[in-house]
Amino acid sequence: LNIVVSGAEIGLSLSVPSMDVVGFERPAADDDDRALVAIAISDLSK
């Protein structure tokens, strides 16, 4: 996680292995995998 504070703004840049977030690092194999990826992106967007 990189954090840059400038004035009243904070910039964050996060990099995390997909294994830690969705439990796999291979291409999504099915709808369940794609749902896990979509939920992770939604959660990480907050």
ModelCIF file with pLDDT and N, C-alpha, C, O atoms, coordinates in Angstrom:
data_MODEL
#
_entry.id   MODEL 
#
_entity.id                         1 
_entity.type                       polymer 
_entity.pdbx_number_of_molecules   1 
#
_entity_poly.entity_id                      1 
_entity_poly.type                           'polypeptide(L)' 
_entity_poly.nstd_linkage                   no 
_entity_poly.nstd_monomer                   no 
_entity_poly.pdbx_seq_one_letter_code       LNIVVSGAEIGLSLSVPSMDVVGFERPAADDDDRALVAIAISDLSK 
_entity_poly.pdbx_seq_one_letter_code_can   LNIVVSGAEIGLSLSVPSMDVVGFERPAADDDDRALVAIAISDLSK 
_entity_poly.pdbx_strand_id                 A 
#
loop_
_entity_poly_seq.entity_id 
_entity_poly_seq.num 
_entity_poly_seq.mon_id 
_entity_poly_seq.hetero 
1 1  LEU n 
1 2  ASN n 
1 3  ILE n 
1 4  VAL n 
1 5  VAL n 
1 6  SER n 
1 7  GLY n 
1 8  ALA n 
1 9  GLU n 
1 10 ILE n 
1 11 GLY n 
1 12 LEU n 
1 13 SER n 
1 14 LEU n 
1 15 SER n 
1 16 VAL n 
1 17 PRO n 
1 18 SER n 
1 19 MET n 
1 20 ASP n 
1 21 VAL n 
1 22 VAL n 
1 23 GLY n 
1 24 PHE n 
1 25 GLU n 
1 26 ARG n 
1 27 PRO n 
1 28 ALA n 
1 29 ALA n 
1 30 ASP n 
1 31 ASP n 
1 32 ASP n 
1 33 ASP n 
1 34 ARG n 
1 35 ALA n 
1 36 LEU n 
1 37 VAL n 
1 38 ALA n 
1 39 ILE n 
1 40 ALA n 
1 41 ILE n 
1 42 SER n 
1 43 ASP n 
1 44 LEU n 
1 45 SER n 
1 46 LYS n 
#
_struct_asym.id          A 
_struct_asym.entity_id   1 
#
loop_
_ma_qa_metric.id 
_ma_qa_metric.mode 
_ma_qa_metric.name 
_ma_qa_metric.software_group_id 
_ma_qa_metric.type 
1 global pLDDT . pLDDT 
2 local  pLDDT . pLDDT 
#
_ma_qa_metric_global.metric_id      1 
_ma_qa_metric_global.metric_value   94.43 
_ma_qa_metric_global.model_id       1 
_ma_qa_metric_global.ordinal_id     1 
#
loop_
_ma_qa_metric_local.label_asym_id 
_ma_qa_metric_local.label_comp_id 
_ma_qa_metric_local.label_seq_id 
_ma_qa_metric_local.metric_id 
_ma_qa_metric_local.metric_value 
_ma_qa_metric_local.model_id 
_ma_qa_metric_local.ordinal_id 
A LEU 1  2 97.00 1 1  
A ASN 2  2 97.00 1 2  
A ILE 3  2 97.00 1 3  
A VAL 4  2 97.00 1 4  
A VAL 5  2 95.00 1 5  
A SER 6  2 94.00 1 6  
A GLY 7  2 93.00 1 7  
A ALA 8  2 95.00 1 8  
A GLU 9  2 97.00 1 9  
A ILE 10 2 97.00 1 10 
A GLY 11 2 98.00 1 11 
A LEU 12 2 98.00 1 12 
A SER 13 2 97.00 1 13 
A LEU 14 2 97.00 1 14 
A SER 15 2 96.00 1 15 
A VAL 16 2 95.00 1 16 
A PRO 17 2 94.00 1 17 
A SER 18 2 93.00 1 18 
A MET 19 2 93.00 1 19 
A ASP 20 2 94.00 1 20 
A VAL 21 2 95.00 1 21 
A VAL 22 2 94.00 1 22 
A GLY 23 2 92.00 1 23 
A PHE 24 2 90.00 1 24 
A GLU 25 2 87.00 1 25 
A ARG 26 2 83.00 1 26 
A PRO 27 2 83.00 1 27 
A ALA 28 2 86.00 1 28 
A ALA 29 2 88.00 1 29 
A ASP 30 2 93.00 1 30 
A ASP 31 2 95.00 1 31 
A ASP 32 2 96.00 1 32 
A ASP 33 2 94.00 1 33 
A ARG 34 2 95.00 1 34 
A ALA 35 2 96.00 1 35 
A LEU 36 2 96.00 1 36 
A VAL 37 2 95.00 1 37 
A ALA 38 2 96.00 1 38 
A ILE 39 2 96.00 1 39 
A ALA 40 2 96.00 1 40 
A ILE 41 2 97.00 1 41 
A SER 42 2 97.00 1 42 
A ASP 43 2 97.00 1 43 
A LEU 44 2 97.00 1 44 
A SER 45 2 98.00 1 45 
A LYS 46 2 98.00 1 46 
#
loop_
_atom_site.group_PDB 
_atom_site.id 
_atom_site.type_symbol 
_atom_site.label_atom_id 
_atom_site.label_alt_id 
_atom_site.label_comp_id 
_atom_site.label_asym_id 
_atom_site.label_entity_id 
_atom_site.label_seq_id 
_atom_site.pdbx_PDB_ins_code 
_atom_site.Cartn_x 
_atom_site.Cartn_y 
_atom_site.Cartn_z 
_atom_site.occupancy 
_atom_site.B_iso_or_equiv 
_atom_site.pdbx_formal_charge 
_atom_site.auth_seq_id 
_atom_site.auth_comp_id 
_atom_site.auth_asym_id 
_atom_site.auth_atom_id 
_atom_site.pdbx_PDB_model_num 
ATOM 1   N N  . LEU A 1 1  ? 0.853   -1.186  0.000   1.00 97.00 ? 1  LEU A N  1 
ATOM 2   C CA . LEU A 1 1  ? 0.000   0.000   0.000   1.00 97.00 ? 1  LEU A CA 1 
ATOM 3   C C  . LEU A 1 1  ? 0.889   1.234   0.000   1.00 97.00 ? 1  LEU A C  1 
ATOM 4   O O  . LEU A 1 1  ? 1.694   1.431   0.910   1.00 97.00 ? 1  LEU A O  1 
ATOM 5   N N  . ASN A 1 2  ? 0.737   2.063   -1.026  1.00 97.00 ? 2  ASN A N  1 
ATOM 6   C CA . ASN A 1 2  ? 1.427   3.353   -1.090  1.00 97.00 ? 2  ASN A CA 1 
ATOM 7   C C  . ASN A 1 2  ? 0.421   4.429   -0.712  1.00 97.00 ? 2  ASN A C  1 
ATOM 8   O O  . ASN A 1 2  ? -0.727  4.411   -1.155  1.00 97.00 ? 2  ASN A O  1 
ATOM 9   N N  . ILE A 1 3  ? 0.874   5.370   0.115   1.00 97.00 ? 3  ILE A N  1 
ATOM 10  C CA . ILE A 1 3  ? 0.030   6.468   0.563   1.00 97.00 ? 3  ILE A CA 1 
ATOM 11  C C  . ILE A 1 3  ? 0.757   7.773   0.270   1.00 97.00 ? 3  ILE A C  1 
ATOM 12  O O  . ILE A 1 3  ? 1.924   7.933   0.625   1.00 97.00 ? 3  ILE A O  1 
ATOM 13  N N  . VAL A 1 4  ? 0.066   8.703   -0.379  1.00 97.00 ? 4  VAL A N  1 
ATOM 14  C CA . VAL A 1 4  ? 0.616   10.034  -0.638  1.00 97.00 ? 4  VAL A CA 1 
ATOM 15  C C  . VAL A 1 4  ? -0.397  11.047  -0.115  1.00 97.00 ? 4  VAL A C  1 
ATOM 16  O O  . VAL A 1 4  ? -1.558  11.050  -0.524  1.00 97.00 ? 4  VAL A O  1 
ATOM 17  N N  . VAL A 1 5  ? 0.062   11.911  0.802   1.00 95.00 ? 5  VAL A N  1 
ATOM 18  C CA . VAL A 1 5  ? -0.809  12.957  1.332   1.00 95.00 ? 5  VAL A CA 1 
ATOM 19  C C  . VAL A 1 5  ? -0.336  14.288  0.758   1.00 95.00 ? 5  VAL A C  1 
ATOM 20  O O  . VAL A 1 5  ? 0.838   14.642  0.864   1.00 95.00 ? 5  VAL A O  1 
ATOM 21  N N  . SER A 1 6  ? -1.258  15.012  0.156   1.00 94.00 ? 6  SER A N  1 
ATOM 22  C CA . SER A 1 6  ? -0.966  16.322  -0.416  1.00 94.00 ? 6  SER A CA 1 
ATOM 23  C C  . SER A 1 6  ? -2.127  17.258  -0.081  1.00 94.00 ? 6  SER A C  1 
ATOM 24  O O  . SER A 1 6  ? -3.227  17.122  -0.618  1.00 94.00 ? 6  SER A O  1 
ATOM 25  N N  . GLY A 1 7  ? -1.866  18.189  0.797   1.00 93.00 ? 7  GLY A N  1 
ATOM 26  C CA . GLY A 1 7  ? -2.922  19.105  1.216   1.00 93.00 ? 7  GLY A CA 1 
ATOM 27  C C  . GLY A 1 7  ? -4.027  18.333  1.918   1.00 93.00 ? 7  GLY A C  1 
ATOM 28  O O  . GLY A 1 7  ? -3.780  17.625  2.894   1.00 93.00 ? 7  GLY A O  1 
ATOM 29  N N  . ALA A 1 8  ? -5.256  18.476  1.412   1.00 95.00 ? 8  ALA A N  1 
ATOM 30  C CA . ALA A 1 8  ? -6.412  17.798  2.005   1.00 95.00 ? 8  ALA A CA 1 
ATOM 31  C C  . ALA A 1 8  ? -6.736  16.495  1.290   1.00 95.00 ? 8  ALA A C  1 
ATOM 32  O O  . ALA A 1 8  ? -7.797  15.914  1.517   1.00 95.00 ? 8  ALA A O  1 
ATOM 33  N N  . GLU A 1 9  ? -5.828  16.025  0.423   1.00 97.00 ? 9  GLU A N  1 
ATOM 34  C CA . GLU A 1 9  ? -6.091  14.814  -0.352  1.00 97.00 ? 9  GLU A CA 1 
ATOM 35  C C  . GLU A 1 9  ? -5.119  13.701  0.012   1.00 97.00 ? 9  GLU A C  1 
ATOM 36  O O  . GLU A 1 9  ? -3.953  13.936  0.331   1.00 97.00 ? 9  GLU A O  1 
ATOM 37  N N  . ILE A 1 10 ? -5.635  12.500  -0.047  1.00 97.00 ? 10 ILE A N  1 
ATOM 38  C CA . ILE A 1 10 ? -4.843  11.311  0.224   1.00 97.00 ? 10 ILE A CA 1 
ATOM 39  C C  . ILE A 1 10 ? -4.961  10.408  -0.997  1.00 97.00 ? 10 ILE A C  1 
ATOM 40  O O  . ILE A 1 10 ? -6.067  10.060  -1.411  1.00 97.00 ? 10 ILE A O  1 
ATOM 41  N N  . GLY A 1 11 ? -3.832  10.032  -1.568  1.00 98.00 ? 11 GLY A N  1 
ATOM 42  C CA . GLY A 1 11 ? -3.812  9.074   -2.668  1.00 98.00 ? 11 GLY A CA 1 
ATOM 43  C C  . GLY A 1 11 ? -3.359  7.728   -2.128  1.00 98.00 ? 11 GLY A C  1 
ATOM 44  O O  . GLY A 1 11 ? -2.361  7.651   -1.412  1.00 98.00 ? 11 GLY A O  1 
ATOM 45  N N  . LEU A 1 12 ? -4.070  6.686   -2.460  1.00 98.00 ? 12 LEU A N  1 
ATOM 46  C CA . LEU A 1 12 ? -3.722  5.328   -2.036  1.00 98.00 ? 12 LEU A CA 1 
ATOM 47  C C  . LEU A 1 12 ? -3.560  4.455   -3.272  1.00 98.00 ? 12 LEU A C  1 
ATOM 48  O O  . LEU A 1 12 ? -4.328  4.562   -4.228  1.00 98.00 ? 12 LEU A O  1 
ATOM 49  N N  . SER A 1 13 ? -2.559  3.597   -3.241  1.00 97.00 ? 13 SER A N  1 
ATOM 50  C CA . SER A 1 13 ? -2.337  2.645   -4.313  1.00 97.00 ? 13 SER A CA 1 
ATOM 51  C C  . SER A 1 13 ? -2.089  1.282   -3.672  1.00 97.00 ? 13 SER A C  1 
ATOM 52  O O  . SER A 1 13 ? -1.111  1.104   -2.945  1.00 97.00 ? 13 SER A O  1 
ATOM 53  N N  . LEU A 1 14 ? -2.971  0.323   -3.939  1.00 97.00 ? 14 LEU A N  1 
ATOM 54  C CA . LEU A 1 14 ? -2.938  -0.993  -3.316  1.00 97.00 ? 14 LEU A CA 1 
ATOM 55  C C  . LEU A 1 14 ? -2.646  -2.068  -4.354  1.00 97.00 ? 14 LEU A C  1 
ATOM 56  O O  . LEU A 1 14 ? -3.219  -2.059  -5.443  1.00 97.00 ? 14 LEU A O  1 
ATOM 57  N N  . SER A 1 15 ? -1.748  -3.003  -4.013  1.00 96.00 ? 15 SER A N  1 
ATOM 58  C CA . SER A 1 15 ? -1.488  -4.190  -4.829  1.00 96.00 ? 15 SER A CA 1 
ATOM 59  C C  . SER A 1 15 ? -1.545  -5.396  -3.911  1.00 96.00 ? 15 SER A C  1 
ATOM 60  O O  . SER A 1 15 ? -0.848  -5.453  -2.898  1.00 96.00 ? 15 SER A O  1 
ATOM 61  N N  . VAL A 1 16 ? -2.391  -6.372  -4.278  1.00 95.00 ? 16 VAL A N  1 
ATOM 62  C CA . VAL A 1 16 ? -2.549  -7.560  -3.430  1.00 95.00 ? 16 VAL A CA 1 
ATOM 63  C C  . VAL A 1 16 ? -2.713  -8.794  -4.313  1.00 95.00 ? 16 VAL A C  1 
ATOM 64  O O  . VAL A 1 16 ? -3.486  -8.767  -5.270  1.00 95.00 ? 16 VAL A O  1 
ATOM 65  N N  . PRO A 1 17 ? -1.994  -9.877  -4.006  1.00 94.00 ? 17 PRO A N  1 
ATOM 66  C CA . PRO A 1 17 ? -2.154  -11.101 -4.799  1.00 94.00 ? 17 PRO A CA 1 
ATOM 67  C C  . PRO A 1 17 ? -3.615  -11.557 -4.799  1.00 94.00 ? 17 PRO A C  1 
ATOM 68  O O  . PRO A 1 17 ? -4.279  -11.534 -3.763  1.00 94.00 ? 17 PRO A O  1 
ATOM 69  N N  . SER A 1 18 ? -4.102  -11.965 -5.953  1.00 93.00 ? 18 SER A N  1 
ATOM 70  C CA . SER A 1 18 ? -5.501  -12.391 -6.027  1.00 93.00 ? 18 SER A CA 1 
ATOM 71  C C  . SER A 1 18 ? -5.767  -13.614 -5.141  1.00 93.00 ? 18 SER A C  1 
ATOM 72  O O  . SER A 1 18 ? -6.897  -13.818 -4.698  1.00 93.00 ? 18 SER A O  1 
ATOM 73  N N  . MET A 1 19 ? -4.745  -14.420 -4.881  1.00 93.00 ? 19 MET A N  1 
ATOM 74  C CA . MET A 1 19 ? -4.905  -15.563 -3.978  1.00 93.00 ? 19 MET A CA 1 
ATOM 75  C C  . MET A 1 19 ? -5.407  -15.100 -2.604  1.00 93.00 ? 19 MET A C  1 
ATOM 76  O O  . MET A 1 19 ? -6.229  -15.776 -1.986  1.00 93.00 ? 19 MET A O  1 
ATOM 77  N N  . ASP A 1 20 ? -4.920  -13.964 -2.134  1.00 94.00 ? 20 ASP A N  1 
ATOM 78  C CA . ASP A 1 20 ? -5.313  -13.446 -0.823  1.00 94.00 ? 20 ASP A CA 1 
ATOM 79  C C  . ASP A 1 20 ? -6.742  -12.924 -0.804  1.00 94.00 ? 20 ASP A C  1 
ATOM 80  O O  . ASP A 1 20 ? -7.378  -12.869 0.248   1.00 94.00 ? 20 ASP A O  1 
ATOM 81  N N  . VAL A 1 21 ? -7.242  -12.542 -1.976  1.00 95.00 ? 21 VAL A N  1 
ATOM 82  C CA . VAL A 1 21 ? -8.559  -11.912 -2.054  1.00 95.00 ? 21 VAL A CA 1 
ATOM 83  C C  . VAL A 1 21 ? -9.646  -12.906 -2.442  1.00 95.00 ? 21 VAL A C  1 
ATOM 84  O O  . VAL A 1 21 ? -10.702 -12.947 -1.810  1.00 95.00 ? 21 VAL A O  1 
ATOM 85  N N  . VAL A 1 22 ? -9.398  -13.714 -3.484  1.00 94.00 ? 22 VAL A N  1 
ATOM 86  C CA . VAL A 1 22 ? -10.432 -14.629 -3.982  1.00 94.00 ? 22 VAL A CA 1 
ATOM 87  C C  . VAL A 1 22 ? -10.069 -16.098 -3.819  1.00 94.00 ? 22 VAL A C  1 
ATOM 88  O O  . VAL A 1 22 ? -10.900 -16.973 -4.062  1.00 94.00 ? 22 VAL A O  1 
ATOM 89  N N  . GLY A 1 23 ? -8.817  -16.379 -3.404  1.00 92.00 ? 23 GLY A N  1 
ATOM 90  C CA . GLY A 1 23 ? -8.430  -17.765 -3.146  1.00 92.00 ? 23 GLY A CA 1 
ATOM 91  C C  . GLY A 1 23 ? -7.850  -18.513 -4.330  1.00 92.00 ? 23 GLY A C  1 
ATOM 92  O O  . GLY A 1 23 ? -7.613  -19.717 -4.240  1.00 92.00 ? 23 GLY A O  1 
ATOM 93  N N  . PHE A 1 24 ? -7.613  -17.815 -5.457  1.00 90.00 ? 24 PHE A N  1 
ATOM 94  C CA . PHE A 1 24 ? -6.991  -18.466 -6.610  1.00 90.00 ? 24 PHE A CA 1 
ATOM 95  C C  . PHE A 1 24 ? -6.274  -17.424 -7.449  1.00 90.00 ? 24 PHE A C  1 
ATOM 96  O O  . PHE A 1 24 ? -6.556  -16.230 -7.354  1.00 90.00 ? 24 PHE A O  1 
ATOM 97  N N  . GLU A 1 25 ? -5.333  -17.896 -8.279  1.00 87.00 ? 25 GLU A N  1 
ATOM 98  C CA . GLU A 1 25 ? -4.583  -17.021 -9.175  1.00 87.00 ? 25 GLU A CA 1 
ATOM 99  C C  . GLU A 1 25 ? -4.660  -17.484 -10.623 1.00 87.00 ? 25 GLU A C  1 
ATOM 100 O O  . GLU A 1 25 ? -3.878  -17.025 -11.455 1.00 87.00 ? 25 GLU A O  1 
ATOM 101 N N  . ARG A 1 26 ? -5.550  -18.348 -10.929 1.00 83.00 ? 26 ARG A N  1 
ATOM 102 C CA . ARG A 1 26 ? -5.744  -18.825 -12.292 1.00 83.00 ? 26 ARG A CA 1 
ATOM 103 C C  . ARG A 1 26 ? -6.885  -18.023 -12.907 1.00 83.00 ? 26 ARG A C  1 
ATOM 104 O O  . ARG A 1 26 ? -7.621  -17.344 -12.191 1.00 83.00 ? 26 ARG A O  1 
ATOM 105 N N  . PRO A 1 27 ? -7.035  -18.094 -14.203 1.00 83.00 ? 27 PRO A N  1 
ATOM 106 C CA . PRO A 1 27 ? -8.208  -17.448 -14.796 1.00 83.00 ? 27 PRO A CA 1 
ATOM 107 C C  . PRO A 1 27 ? -9.487  -18.028 -14.197 1.00 83.00 ? 27 PRO A C  1 
ATOM 108 O O  . PRO A 1 27 ? -9.559  -19.217 -13.886 1.00 83.00 ? 27 PRO A O  1 
ATOM 109 N N  . ALA A 1 28 ? -10.482 -17.180 -14.042 1.00 86.00 ? 28 ALA A N  1 
ATOM 110 C CA . ALA A 1 28 ? -11.773 -17.625 -13.517 1.00 86.00 ? 28 ALA A CA 1 
ATOM 111 C C  . ALA A 1 28 ? -12.295 -18.776 -14.371 1.00 86.00 ? 28 ALA A C  1 
ATOM 112 O O  . ALA A 1 28 ? -12.427 -18.649 -15.588 1.00 86.00 ? 28 ALA A O  1 
ATOM 113 N N  . ALA A 1 29 ? -12.589 -19.895 -13.722 1.00 88.00 ? 29 ALA A N  1 
ATOM 114 C CA . ALA A 1 29 ? -12.971 -21.109 -14.443 1.00 88.00 ? 29 ALA A CA 1 
ATOM 115 C C  . ALA A 1 29 ? -14.469 -21.213 -14.705 1.00 88.00 ? 29 ALA A C  1 
ATOM 116 O O  . ALA A 1 29 ? -14.894 -21.904 -15.631 1.00 88.00 ? 29 ALA A O  1 
ATOM 117 N N  . ASP A 1 30 ? -15.274 -20.522 -13.883 1.00 93.00 ? 30 ASP A N  1 
ATOM 118 C CA . ASP A 1 30 ? -16.720 -20.679 -14.027 1.00 93.00 ? 30 ASP A CA 1 
ATOM 119 C C  . ASP A 1 30 ? -17.422 -19.454 -13.444 1.00 93.00 ? 30 ASP A C  1 
ATOM 120 O O  . ASP A 1 30 ? -16.778 -18.493 -13.025 1.00 93.00 ? 30 ASP A O  1 
ATOM 121 N N  . ASP A 1 31 ? -18.741 -19.508 -13.427 1.00 95.00 ? 31 ASP A N  1 
ATOM 122 C CA . ASP A 1 31 ? -19.530 -18.379 -12.930 1.00 95.00 ? 31 ASP A CA 1 
ATOM 123 C C  . ASP A 1 31 ? -19.257 -18.102 -11.451 1.00 95.00 ? 31 ASP A C  1 
ATOM 124 O O  . ASP A 1 31 ? -19.268 -16.944 -11.035 1.00 95.00 ? 31 ASP A O  1 
ATOM 125 N N  . ASP A 1 32 ? -19.013 -19.138 -10.652 1.00 96.00 ? 32 ASP A N  1 
ATOM 126 C CA . ASP A 1 32 ? -18.707 -18.928 -9.235  1.00 96.00 ? 32 ASP A CA 1 
ATOM 127 C C  . ASP A 1 32 ? -17.410 -18.131 -9.076  1.00 96.00 ? 32 ASP A C  1 
ATOM 128 O O  . ASP A 1 32 ? -17.342 -17.216 -8.256  1.00 96.00 ? 32 ASP A O  1 
ATOM 129 N N  . ASP A 1 33 ? -16.387 -18.475 -9.852  1.00 94.00 ? 33 ASP A N  1 
ATOM 130 C CA . ASP A 1 33 ? -15.123 -17.736 -9.806  1.00 94.00 ? 33 ASP A CA 1 
ATOM 131 C C  . ASP A 1 33 ? -15.325 -16.290 -10.245 1.00 94.00 ? 33 ASP A C  1 
ATOM 132 O O  . ASP A 1 33 ? -14.803 -15.368 -9.617  1.00 94.00 ? 33 ASP A O  1 
ATOM 133 N N  . ARG A 1 34 ? -16.082 -16.090 -11.323 1.00 95.00 ? 34 ARG A N  1 
ATOM 134 C CA . ARG A 1 34 ? -16.332 -14.734 -11.810 1.00 95.00 ? 34 ARG A CA 1 
ATOM 135 C C  . ARG A 1 34 ? -17.109 -13.930 -10.782 1.00 95.00 ? 34 ARG A C  1 
ATOM 136 O O  . ARG A 1 34 ? -16.889 -12.726 -10.646 1.00 95.00 ? 34 ARG A O  1 
ATOM 137 N N  . ALA A 1 35 ? -18.012 -14.571 -10.061 1.00 96.00 ? 35 ALA A N  1 
ATOM 138 C CA . ALA A 1 35 ? -18.761 -13.879 -9.001  1.00 96.00 ? 35 ALA A CA 1 
ATOM 139 C C  . ALA A 1 35 ? -17.825 -13.462 -7.872  1.00 96.00 ? 35 ALA A C  1 
ATOM 140 O O  . ALA A 1 35 ? -17.951 -12.358 -7.342  1.00 96.00 ? 35 ALA A O  1 
ATOM 141 N N  . LEU A 1 36 ? -16.883 -14.338 -7.496  1.00 96.00 ? 36 LEU A N  1 
ATOM 142 C CA . LEU A 1 36 ? -15.901 -13.989 -6.461  1.00 96.00 ? 36 LEU A CA 1 
ATOM 143 C C  . LEU A 1 36 ? -15.073 -12.778 -6.870  1.00 96.00 ? 36 LEU A C  1 
ATOM 144 O O  . LEU A 1 36 ? -14.818 -11.892 -6.054  1.00 96.00 ? 36 LEU A O  1 
ATOM 145 N N  . VAL A 1 37 ? -14.652 -12.739 -8.135  1.00 95.00 ? 37 VAL A N  1 
ATOM 146 C CA . VAL A 1 37 ? -13.874 -11.610 -8.641  1.00 95.00 ? 37 VAL A CA 1 
ATOM 147 C C  . VAL A 1 37 ? -14.714 -10.334 -8.600  1.00 95.00 ? 37 VAL A C  1 
ATOM 148 O O  . VAL A 1 37 ? -14.223 -9.289  -8.175  1.00 95.00 ? 37 VAL A O  1 
ATOM 149 N N  . ALA A 1 38 ? -15.967 -10.405 -9.033  1.00 96.00 ? 38 ALA A N  1 
ATOM 150 C CA . ALA A 1 38 ? -16.843 -9.233  -9.044  1.00 96.00 ? 38 ALA A CA 1 
ATOM 151 C C  . ALA A 1 38 ? -17.087 -8.705  -7.627  1.00 96.00 ? 38 ALA A C  1 
ATOM 152 O O  . ALA A 1 38 ? -17.079 -7.494  -7.408  1.00 96.00 ? 38 ALA A O  1 
ATOM 153 N N  . ILE A 1 39 ? -17.300 -9.598  -6.676  1.00 96.00 ? 39 ILE A N  1 
ATOM 154 C CA . ILE A 1 39 ? -17.506 -9.189  -5.286  1.00 96.00 ? 39 ILE A CA 1 
ATOM 155 C C  . ILE A 1 39 ? -16.240 -8.538  -4.736  1.00 96.00 ? 39 ILE A C  1 
ATOM 156 O O  . ILE A 1 39 ? -16.312 -7.523  -4.043  1.00 96.00 ? 39 ILE A O  1 
ATOM 157 N N  . ALA A 1 40 ? -15.085 -9.117  -5.042  1.00 96.00 ? 40 ALA A N  1 
ATOM 158 C CA . ALA A 1 40 ? -13.815 -8.552  -4.576  1.00 96.00 ? 40 ALA A CA 1 
ATOM 159 C C  . ALA A 1 40 ? -13.606 -7.148  -5.134  1.00 96.00 ? 40 ALA A C  1 
ATOM 160 O O  . ALA A 1 40 ? -13.202 -6.244  -4.403  1.00 96.00 ? 40 ALA A O  1 
ATOM 161 N N  . ILE A 1 41 ? -13.879 -6.961  -6.426  1.00 97.00 ? 41 ILE A N  1 
ATOM 162 C CA . ILE A 1 41 ? -13.723 -5.638  -7.026  1.00 97.00 ? 41 ILE A CA 1 
ATOM 163 C C  . ILE A 1 41 ? -14.679 -4.648  -6.369  1.00 97.00 ? 41 ILE A C  1 
ATOM 164 O O  . ILE A 1 41 ? -14.307 -3.505  -6.104  1.00 97.00 ? 41 ILE A O  1 
ATOM 165 N N  . SER A 1 42 ? -15.890 -5.077  -6.110  1.00 97.00 ? 42 SER A N  1 
ATOM 166 C CA . SER A 1 42 ? -16.854 -4.211  -5.428  1.00 97.00 ? 42 SER A CA 1 
ATOM 167 C C  . SER A 1 42 ? -16.356 -3.825  -4.036  1.00 97.00 ? 42 SER A C  1 
ATOM 168 O O  . SER A 1 42 ? -16.397 -2.653  -3.664  1.00 97.00 ? 42 SER A O  1 
ATOM 169 N N  . ASP A 1 43 ? -15.887 -4.807  -3.271  1.00 97.00 ? 43 ASP A N  1 
ATOM 170 C CA . ASP A 1 43 ? -15.385 -4.522  -1.915  1.00 97.00 ? 43 ASP A CA 1 
ATOM 171 C C  . ASP A 1 43 ? -14.149 -3.632  -1.952  1.00 97.00 ? 43 ASP A C  1 
ATOM 172 O O  . ASP A 1 43 ? -14.023 -2.708  -1.148  1.00 97.00 ? 43 ASP A O  1 
ATOM 173 N N  . LEU A 1 44 ? -13.243 -3.905  -2.876  1.00 97.00 ? 44 LEU A N  1 
ATOM 174 C CA . LEU A 1 44 ? -12.022 -3.108  -2.976  1.00 97.00 ? 44 LEU A CA 1 
ATOM 175 C C  . LEU A 1 44 ? -12.292 -1.695  -3.496  1.00 97.00 ? 44 LEU A C  1 
ATOM 176 O O  . LEU A 1 44 ? -11.430 -0.824  -3.383  1.00 97.00 ? 44 LEU A O  1 
ATOM 177 N N  . SER A 1 45 ? -13.466 -1.460  -4.057  1.00 98.00 ? 45 SER A N  1 
ATOM 178 C CA . SER A 1 45 ? -13.831 -0.138  -4.569  1.00 98.00 ? 45 SER A CA 1 
ATOM 179 C C  . SER A 1 45 ? -14.376 0.779   -3.484  1.00 98.00 ? 45 SER A C  1 
ATOM 180 O O  . SER A 1 45 ? -14.810 1.893   -3.775  1.00 98.00 ? 45 SER A O  1 
ATOM 181 N N  . LYS A 1 46 ? -14.357 0.325   -2.241  1.00 98.00 ? 46 LYS A N  1 
ATOM 182 C CA . LYS A 1 46 ? -14.852 1.111   -1.099  1.00 98.00 ? 46 LYS A CA 1 
ATOM 183 C C  . LYS A 1 46 ? -13.702 1.310   -0.110  1.00 98.00 ? 46 LYS A C  1 
ATOM 184 O O  . LYS A 1 46 ? -13.885 1.944   0.929   1.00 98.00 ? 46 LYS A O  1 
#
